[in-house]
Amino acid sequence: MDKALRSREEAQKIADRVRLLREELEEPELKAALALTPEQLARFDEWSHSALSRLAAQFDVDTSVSQKRVSWGMRIASTLGGLAICAAVVLFFMRYWGYLDTAAQVVVLLLTPLAALAATEYAARRERTLYFAGLMALVAMTSFVMNLYVLGEIFNIASTEKALLAWGAFALFVAYRCGLRLILAIGLALLLSYGDAALTAPLGYNWLGFGDRPEHFDVLGLIVFSVPFSTHHPHNSDFPPVYRLVGALAFLVSILSLAEWGVPSYLRFQIVTVERLYEFAGLAASAVFIRVGIMRGWDGIVNTGSIFFTIFLFCRFYHWWWASMPEYLFFAIIGALGILLVAGFRRMRSQLAQGRAA
């Protein structure tokens, strides 16, 4: 508790540990093992109450299970509310846009994202949980996207991939300014799309077809994944997991598209050979993400790697066996392999626990 906390996320982790410790000390077996005196229990109770009160006052953290459940509901409600307001803004403009002259349209387009951005800044300064700030940030992001698109339509400006760069840069600015992870993820996705479009356009493709060359996302995804290794986030300590998750998703989804959906590849082999190579590459990459995530304690990467490992494995078995055996036998084998995978992960978990104990 003596270290300086830089984010609500750090404070919440400390509050969770204090709360769990309080709950554990209520267990009779632990009480008997520790043999704490009434004075020691009273001092701990006083300290834990004081620590949770300080964290709640400074960071507005959840100090009980019930509060955490309500907070999840608030996150979901704020996200859905932001999306609903975005839809309302777009539909409102579509309803009355034709009644405005060009000058009024330009003024509205310029003022709408600025107003939403000001509301985001105001909400971020007034609340520590950032629910309303996140809601208004979604509105600001939607307004800015609509701003560039409609201005291009009004003045007949040819669309280019630079719009993705502007949208992504705007999202990152808002995310770092207010500490919003969802907006950061959106911004990184837009910048990844811009990077792929910028690499694809010189090849003669329309920039809107940037997804036709998913191998670019392999490289760009790894770059995004590695950003936290070289860039520190002293004021946004909960941002590195977002970089890792977005990077891993971009990398694995691109490999999946190359393995299963027959998209073009730079490899000069037959399509079937390319697909098989990327299937095995996806299995290997997913296993690496699982291993690295377990070793470093990155739960999001472990879960992402496990999901994609299962997808790649299922696709491989589908190509091997689906046409050569009854459907019930195919799914029975998949179920048995799932059990084996669970047993393997359990053994790995036990080995890691033994290593830490040693």
Protein backbone atom coordinates (compact mmCIF):
# COMPACT_ATOMS: atom_id res chain seq x y z
CA MET A 1 0.00 0.00 0.00
CA ASP A 2 3.02 2.31 0.22
CA LYS A 3 3.70 2.35 -3.52
CA ALA A 4 2.22 5.10 -5.67
CA LEU A 5 -0.71 3.78 -7.69
CA ARG A 6 -1.11 5.14 -11.21
CA SER A 7 -4.42 3.64 -12.29
CA ARG A 8 -7.73 2.42 -11.02
CA GLU A 9 -6.86 -1.02 -12.37
CA GLU A 10 -3.88 -1.34 -10.02
CA ALA A 11 -5.97 -0.11 -7.10
CA GLN A 12 -8.70 -2.65 -7.92
CA LYS A 13 -6.20 -5.52 -7.90
CA ILE A 14 -4.96 -4.47 -4.46
CA ALA A 15 -8.53 -4.11 -3.18
CA ASP A 16 -9.35 -7.60 -4.47
CA ARG A 17 -6.36 -9.08 -2.66
CA VAL A 18 -7.28 -7.35 0.61
CA ARG A 19 -10.90 -8.47 0.29
CA LEU A 20 -9.90 -12.07 -0.43
CA LEU A 21 -7.50 -12.07 2.51
CA ARG A 22 -10.29 -10.84 4.78
CA GLU A 23 -12.56 -13.62 3.54
CA GLU A 24 -9.86 -16.27 4.01
CA LEU A 25 -9.20 -15.20 7.58
CA GLU A 26 -12.84 -15.93 8.35
CA GLU A 27 -12.25 -19.63 7.66
CA PRO A 28 -11.92 -21.63 10.91
CA GLU A 29 -9.11 -23.84 9.53
CA LEU A 30 -6.93 -20.86 8.62
CA LYS A 31 -7.66 -19.19 11.94
CA ALA A 32 -6.55 -22.33 13.76
CA ALA A 33 -3.40 -22.67 11.64
CA LEU A 34 -2.32 -19.05 12.14
CA ALA A 35 -3.42 -18.92 15.78
CA LEU A 36 -3.82 -15.15 15.67
CA THR A 37 -4.63 -13.43 18.91
CA PRO A 38 -7.76 -11.28 19.21
CA GLU A 39 -5.52 -8.19 19.25
CA GLN A 40 -3.83 -9.23 15.99
CA LEU A 41 -7.18 -9.92 14.35
CA ALA A 42 -8.48 -6.56 15.49
CA ARG A 43 -5.40 -4.76 14.08
CA PHE A 44 -5.74 -6.56 10.74
CA ASP A 45 -9.46 -5.78 10.61
CA GLU A 46 -8.75 -2.11 11.29
CA TRP A 47 -5.96 -1.99 8.69
CA SER A 48 -8.01 -3.76 5.98
CA HIS A 49 -11.03 -1.52 6.55
CA SER A 50 -8.79 1.54 6.36
CA ALA A 51 -7.01 0.30 3.22
CA LEU A 52 -10.24 -0.48 1.38
CA SER A 53 -11.73 2.85 2.44
CA ARG A 54 -8.70 4.77 1.13
CA LEU A 55 -8.76 2.91 -2.19
CA ALA A 56 -12.50 3.43 -2.56
CA ALA A 57 -12.19 7.13 -1.78
CA GLN A 58 -9.25 7.71 -4.13
CA PHE A 59 -10.06 5.38 -7.03
CA ASP A 60 -13.72 4.40 -6.51
CA VAL A 61 -12.81 0.69 -6.59
CA ASP A 62 -15.16 -2.19 -5.84
CA THR A 63 -14.66 -3.50 -2.32
CA SER A 64 -17.18 -6.37 -2.44
CA VAL A 65 -18.35 -9.07 -4.85
CA SER A 66 -21.72 -7.36 -5.20
CA GLN A 67 -20.06 -4.10 -6.23
CA LYS A 68 -17.99 -5.91 -8.87
CA ARG A 69 -21.13 -7.44 -10.36
CA VAL A 70 -22.80 -4.04 -10.49
CA SER A 71 -19.68 -2.58 -12.11
CA TRP A 72 -19.82 -5.19 -14.87
CA GLY A 73 -23.43 -4.23 -15.46
CA MET A 74 -22.41 -0.58 -15.64
CA ARG A 75 -19.69 -1.36 -18.20
CA ILE A 76 -22.13 -3.25 -20.39
CA ALA A 77 -24.79 -0.56 -20.02
CA SER A 78 -22.35 2.26 -20.83
CA THR A 79 -21.10 0.45 -23.95
CA LEU A 80 -24.61 -0.32 -25.18
CA GLY A 81 -25.69 3.23 -24.34
CA GLY A 82 -22.79 4.67 -26.30
CA LEU A 83 -23.61 2.52 -29.31
CA ALA A 84 -27.28 3.53 -29.09
CA ILE A 85 -26.38 7.23 -28.96
CA CYS A 86 -24.06 6.75 -31.95
CA ALA A 87 -26.91 5.19 -33.90
CA ALA A 88 -29.23 8.02 -32.80
CA VAL A 89 -26.74 10.67 -34.00
CA VAL A 90 -26.31 9.02 -37.39
CA LEU A 91 -30.04 8.48 -37.90
CA PHE A 92 -30.83 12.03 -36.77
CA PHE A 93 -28.46 13.48 -39.36
CA MET A 94 -29.84 11.20 -42.04
CA ARG A 95 -33.37 12.41 -41.20
CA TYR A 96 -32.69 16.16 -41.32
CA TRP A 97 -29.48 16.41 -43.35
CA GLY A 98 -31.21 17.38 -46.59
CA TYR A 99 -32.79 20.46 -44.98
CA LEU A 100 -29.39 22.08 -44.34
CA ASP A 101 -27.32 24.01 -46.84
CA THR A 102 -23.65 23.20 -47.44
CA ALA A 103 -22.30 25.79 -44.98
CA ALA A 104 -24.58 24.54 -42.18
CA GLN A 105 -23.62 20.95 -42.93
CA VAL A 106 -19.91 21.75 -42.63
CA VAL A 107 -20.43 23.62 -39.36
CA VAL A 108 -22.43 20.73 -37.89
CA LEU A 109 -19.80 18.22 -39.00
CA LEU A 110 -17.02 20.23 -37.39
CA LEU A 111 -18.82 20.99 -34.14
CA THR A 112 -20.30 17.55 -33.43
CA PRO A 113 -17.02 15.66 -32.72
CA LEU A 114 -15.62 18.68 -30.87
CA ALA A 115 -18.70 18.81 -28.64
CA ALA A 116 -18.54 15.07 -27.98
CA LEU A 117 -14.81 15.35 -27.26
CA ALA A 118 -15.42 18.16 -24.79
CA ALA A 119 -18.12 16.06 -23.10
CA THR A 120 -15.66 13.15 -22.90
CA GLU A 121 -13.03 15.36 -21.26
CA TYR A 122 -15.56 16.74 -18.79
CA ALA A 123 -16.80 13.26 -17.86
CA ALA A 124 -13.23 11.95 -17.46
CA ARG A 125 -12.43 14.77 -15.04
CA ARG A 126 -15.63 14.30 -13.03
CA GLU A 127 -15.65 10.52 -12.53
CA ARG A 128 -13.00 7.95 -11.71
CA THR A 129 -14.77 4.89 -13.15
CA LEU A 130 -14.88 6.43 -16.66
CA TYR A 131 -18.23 4.86 -17.60
CA PHE A 132 -19.71 8.12 -18.90
CA ALA A 133 -16.37 9.11 -20.41
CA GLY A 134 -16.29 5.83 -22.35
CA LEU A 135 -19.84 6.40 -23.53
CA MET A 136 -19.08 9.90 -24.80
CA ALA A 137 -15.80 8.74 -26.34
CA LEU A 138 -17.73 6.30 -28.53
CA VAL A 139 -19.95 9.17 -29.63
CA ALA A 140 -16.91 11.36 -30.36
CA MET A 141 -15.30 8.54 -32.34
CA THR A 142 -18.44 7.95 -34.40
CA SER A 143 -18.86 11.67 -35.02
CA PHE A 144 -15.28 12.01 -36.22
CA VAL A 145 -15.63 9.04 -38.58
CA MET A 146 -18.86 10.49 -39.95
CA ASN A 147 -17.17 13.90 -40.18
CA LEU A 148 -14.46 12.79 -42.61
CA TYR A 149 -16.75 10.53 -44.60
CA VAL A 150 -19.50 13.12 -45.15
CA LEU A 151 -17.05 15.96 -45.86
CA GLY A 152 -15.54 13.78 -48.57
CA GLU A 153 -19.00 13.22 -50.01
CA ILE A 154 -19.90 16.93 -49.90
CA PHE A 155 -16.73 18.12 -51.64
CA ASN A 156 -16.32 15.03 -53.85
CA ILE A 157 -12.93 14.12 -52.35
CA ALA A 158 -11.57 10.73 -53.37
CA SER A 159 -11.35 8.35 -50.44
CA THR A 160 -7.93 6.99 -49.47
CA GLU A 161 -6.51 4.81 -46.74
CA LYS A 162 -5.36 7.97 -44.92
CA ALA A 163 -8.85 8.19 -43.42
CA LEU A 164 -8.04 5.05 -41.42
CA LEU A 165 -4.87 6.73 -40.18
CA ALA A 166 -6.79 9.82 -39.06
CA TRP A 167 -9.49 7.78 -37.33
CA GLY A 168 -6.92 5.57 -35.60
CA ALA A 169 -4.83 8.54 -34.45
CA PHE A 170 -7.95 10.25 -33.09
CA ALA A 171 -8.94 7.10 -31.18
CA LEU A 172 -5.46 6.75 -29.67
CA PHE A 173 -5.47 10.41 -28.64
CA VAL A 174 -8.79 9.99 -26.82
CA ALA A 175 -7.71 6.67 -25.30
CA TYR A 176 -4.45 8.03 -23.86
CA ARG A 177 -6.03 11.29 -22.81
CA CYS A 178 -8.81 9.59 -20.80
CA GLY A 179 -7.38 6.12 -20.12
CA LEU A 180 -10.03 4.19 -22.13
CA ARG A 181 -9.08 0.65 -23.13
CA LEU A 182 -12.00 0.03 -25.50
CA ILE A 183 -11.15 3.16 -27.52
CA LEU A 184 -7.50 2.07 -27.54
CA ALA A 185 -8.49 -1.31 -29.02
CA ILE A 186 -10.58 0.43 -31.69
CA GLY A 187 -7.71 2.77 -32.52
CA LEU A 188 -5.21 -0.09 -32.82
CA ALA A 189 -7.58 -1.99 -35.11
CA LEU A 190 -7.93 1.09 -37.33
CA LEU A 191 -4.14 1.61 -37.45
CA LEU A 192 -3.62 -2.06 -38.30
CA SER A 193 -6.11 -1.67 -41.14
CA TYR A 194 -4.31 1.47 -42.32
CA GLY A 195 -0.96 -0.31 -42.28
CA ASP A 196 -2.33 -3.17 -44.35
CA ALA A 197 -4.08 -0.78 -46.77
CA ALA A 198 -0.91 1.29 -47.18
CA LEU A 199 1.02 -1.88 -48.07
CA THR A 200 -1.71 -3.25 -50.34
CA ALA A 201 -2.51 -0.11 -52.40
CA PRO A 202 0.91 0.02 -54.15
CA LEU A 203 0.30 -3.53 -55.39
CA GLY A 204 -2.61 -2.28 -57.52
CA TYR A 205 -5.42 -3.22 -55.13
CA ASN A 206 -8.18 -0.84 -54.12
CA TRP A 207 -7.36 0.26 -50.59
CA LEU A 208 -10.84 -0.82 -49.45
CA GLY A 209 -9.76 -4.39 -50.22
CA PHE A 210 -6.90 -4.28 -47.73
CA GLY A 211 -8.13 -7.55 -46.21
CA ASP A 212 -7.20 -9.37 -49.42
CA ARG A 213 -3.59 -9.62 -48.25
CA PRO A 214 -3.87 -10.85 -44.66
CA GLU A 215 -0.19 -11.77 -44.43
CA HIS A 216 0.46 -8.08 -43.76
CA PHE A 217 -1.52 -8.49 -40.55
CA ASP A 218 0.91 -11.19 -39.43
CA VAL A 219 3.77 -8.72 -39.32
CA LEU A 220 1.69 -5.77 -38.12
CA GLY A 221 0.06 -7.88 -35.40
CA LEU A 222 3.44 -8.96 -34.05
CA ILE A 223 4.58 -5.32 -34.04
CA VAL A 224 1.53 -4.28 -32.01
CA PHE A 225 2.04 -7.27 -29.68
CA SER A 226 5.64 -6.22 -29.01
CA VAL A 227 4.92 -2.52 -28.34
CA PRO A 228 4.63 -2.98 -24.52
CA PHE A 229 8.14 -4.47 -24.47
CA SER A 230 9.67 -1.24 -25.77
CA THR A 231 7.16 1.40 -24.65
CA HIS A 232 6.32 1.99 -21.00
CA HIS A 233 2.90 3.18 -19.87
CA PRO A 234 3.45 4.84 -16.49
CA HIS A 235 0.09 6.61 -16.55
CA ASN A 236 -1.90 3.82 -18.25
CA SER A 237 -0.62 0.59 -16.74
CA ASP A 238 -3.66 -1.34 -18.01
CA PHE A 239 -2.88 -0.57 -21.69
CA PRO A 240 -0.17 -3.24 -22.37
CA PRO A 241 -2.70 -6.14 -22.17
CA VAL A 242 -4.78 -4.37 -24.83
CA TYR A 243 -1.77 -4.15 -27.15
CA ARG A 244 -0.97 -7.81 -26.60
CA LEU A 245 -4.56 -8.96 -27.15
CA VAL A 246 -5.13 -6.88 -30.31
CA GLY A 247 -1.77 -7.97 -31.73
CA ALA A 248 -2.41 -11.64 -30.99
CA LEU A 249 -5.90 -11.49 -32.50
CA ALA A 250 -4.65 -9.79 -35.67
CA PHE A 251 -1.89 -12.37 -36.06
CA LEU A 252 -4.05 -15.45 -35.43
CA VAL A 253 -7.08 -14.28 -37.43
CA SER A 254 -4.88 -13.57 -40.45
CA ILE A 255 -3.36 -17.06 -40.24
CA LEU A 256 -6.85 -18.56 -39.91
CA SER A 257 -8.02 -16.70 -43.03
CA LEU A 258 -5.03 -18.00 -44.98
CA ALA A 259 -5.59 -21.54 -43.74
CA GLU A 260 -9.34 -21.82 -44.28
CA TRP A 261 -10.74 -19.15 -46.59
CA GLY A 262 -8.54 -19.42 -49.65
CA VAL A 263 -7.32 -15.80 -49.64
CA PRO A 264 -4.25 -14.83 -51.71
CA SER A 265 -0.81 -15.55 -50.28
CA TYR A 266 2.70 -14.44 -51.14
CA LEU A 267 3.82 -18.07 -50.99
CA ARG A 268 4.18 -19.47 -54.51
CA PHE A 269 2.75 -22.89 -53.78
CA GLN A 270 -0.49 -24.57 -54.66
CA ILE A 271 -3.47 -23.28 -52.68
CA VAL A 272 -3.92 -26.57 -50.85
CA THR A 273 -0.27 -26.58 -49.78
CA VAL A 274 -0.48 -23.00 -48.54
CA GLU A 275 -3.60 -23.78 -46.55
CA ARG A 276 -2.00 -26.82 -44.91
CA LEU A 277 1.15 -24.86 -44.06
CA TYR A 278 -0.85 -22.11 -42.39
CA GLU A 279 -2.99 -24.63 -40.51
CA PHE A 280 0.09 -26.09 -38.85
CA ALA A 281 1.56 -22.60 -38.39
CA GLY A 282 -1.65 -21.59 -36.61
CA LEU A 283 -1.45 -24.60 -34.29
CA ALA A 284 2.18 -23.85 -33.49
CA ALA A 285 1.58 -20.12 -32.97
CA SER A 286 -1.42 -20.76 -30.73
CA ALA A 287 0.62 -23.17 -28.62
CA VAL A 288 3.39 -20.56 -28.31
CA PHE A 289 0.90 -17.91 -27.19
CA ILE A 290 -0.49 -20.31 -24.59
CA ARG A 291 2.97 -21.13 -23.25
CA VAL A 292 4.14 -17.52 -23.15
CA GLY A 293 0.88 -16.42 -21.56
CA ILE A 294 1.16 -19.05 -18.83
CA MET A 295 4.79 -18.25 -18.09
CA ARG A 296 4.17 -14.50 -17.85
CA GLY A 297 0.75 -14.62 -16.24
CA TRP A 298 -1.10 -13.08 -19.22
CA ASP A 299 -4.58 -14.56 -18.84
CA GLY A 300 -5.97 -12.86 -21.95
CA ILE A 301 -3.21 -14.33 -24.14
CA VAL A 302 -3.70 -17.80 -22.63
CA ASN A 303 -7.42 -17.68 -23.36
CA THR A 304 -6.90 -16.32 -26.88
CA GLY A 305 -4.28 -18.95 -27.69
CA SER A 306 -6.47 -21.73 -26.29
CA ILE A 307 -9.47 -20.65 -28.38
CA PHE A 308 -7.49 -20.48 -31.61
CA PHE A 309 -5.62 -23.71 -30.87
CA THR A 310 -8.99 -25.44 -30.58
CA ILE A 311 -10.24 -23.80 -33.81
CA PHE A 312 -7.13 -24.79 -35.79
CA LEU A 313 -7.22 -28.32 -34.39
CA PHE A 314 -10.90 -28.74 -35.23
CA CYS A 315 -10.31 -27.46 -38.79
CA ARG A 316 -7.40 -29.87 -39.27
CA PHE A 317 -9.42 -32.85 -38.10
CA TYR A 318 -12.32 -31.72 -40.24
CA HIS A 319 -10.15 -31.85 -43.35
CA TRP A 320 -8.74 -35.24 -42.34
CA TRP A 321 -11.79 -37.15 -41.19
CA TRP A 322 -15.12 -35.47 -41.96
CA ALA A 323 -15.62 -37.12 -45.34
CA SER A 324 -14.31 -40.52 -44.26
CA MET A 325 -16.29 -41.35 -41.11
CA PRO A 326 -19.80 -41.00 -39.63
CA GLU A 327 -20.59 -37.64 -38.06
CA TYR A 328 -21.18 -39.11 -34.59
CA LEU A 329 -17.75 -40.78 -34.62
CA PHE A 330 -16.09 -37.54 -35.75
CA PHE A 331 -17.57 -35.55 -32.87
CA ALA A 332 -16.82 -38.37 -30.42
CA ILE A 333 -13.16 -38.19 -31.41
CA ILE A 334 -13.18 -34.40 -31.08
CA GLY A 335 -14.69 -34.75 -27.59
CA ALA A 336 -12.04 -37.28 -26.58
CA LEU A 337 -9.30 -35.00 -27.84
CA GLY A 338 -10.83 -32.16 -25.86
CA ILE A 339 -10.54 -34.26 -22.73
CA LEU A 340 -6.91 -35.03 -23.55
CA LEU A 341 -6.21 -31.32 -24.03
CA VAL A 342 -7.73 -30.50 -20.64
CA ALA A 343 -5.57 -33.22 -19.06
CA GLY A 344 -2.50 -31.81 -20.79
CA PHE A 345 -3.20 -28.27 -19.61
CA ARG A 346 -3.80 -29.57 -16.11
CA ARG A 347 -0.44 -31.34 -16.12
CA MET A 348 1.26 -28.18 -17.38
CA ARG A 349 -0.43 -26.21 -14.60
CA SER A 350 0.80 -28.71 -12.00
CA GLN A 351 4.35 -28.53 -13.34
CA LEU A 352 4.29 -24.74 -13.14
CA ALA A 353 3.00 -24.89 -9.58
CA GLN A 354 5.76 -27.31 -8.62
CA GLY A 355 8.34 -25.07 -10.26
CA ARG A 356 7.18 -22.06 -8.26
CA ALA A 357 7.17 -24.10 -5.04
CA ALA A 358 10.74 -25.22 -5.69
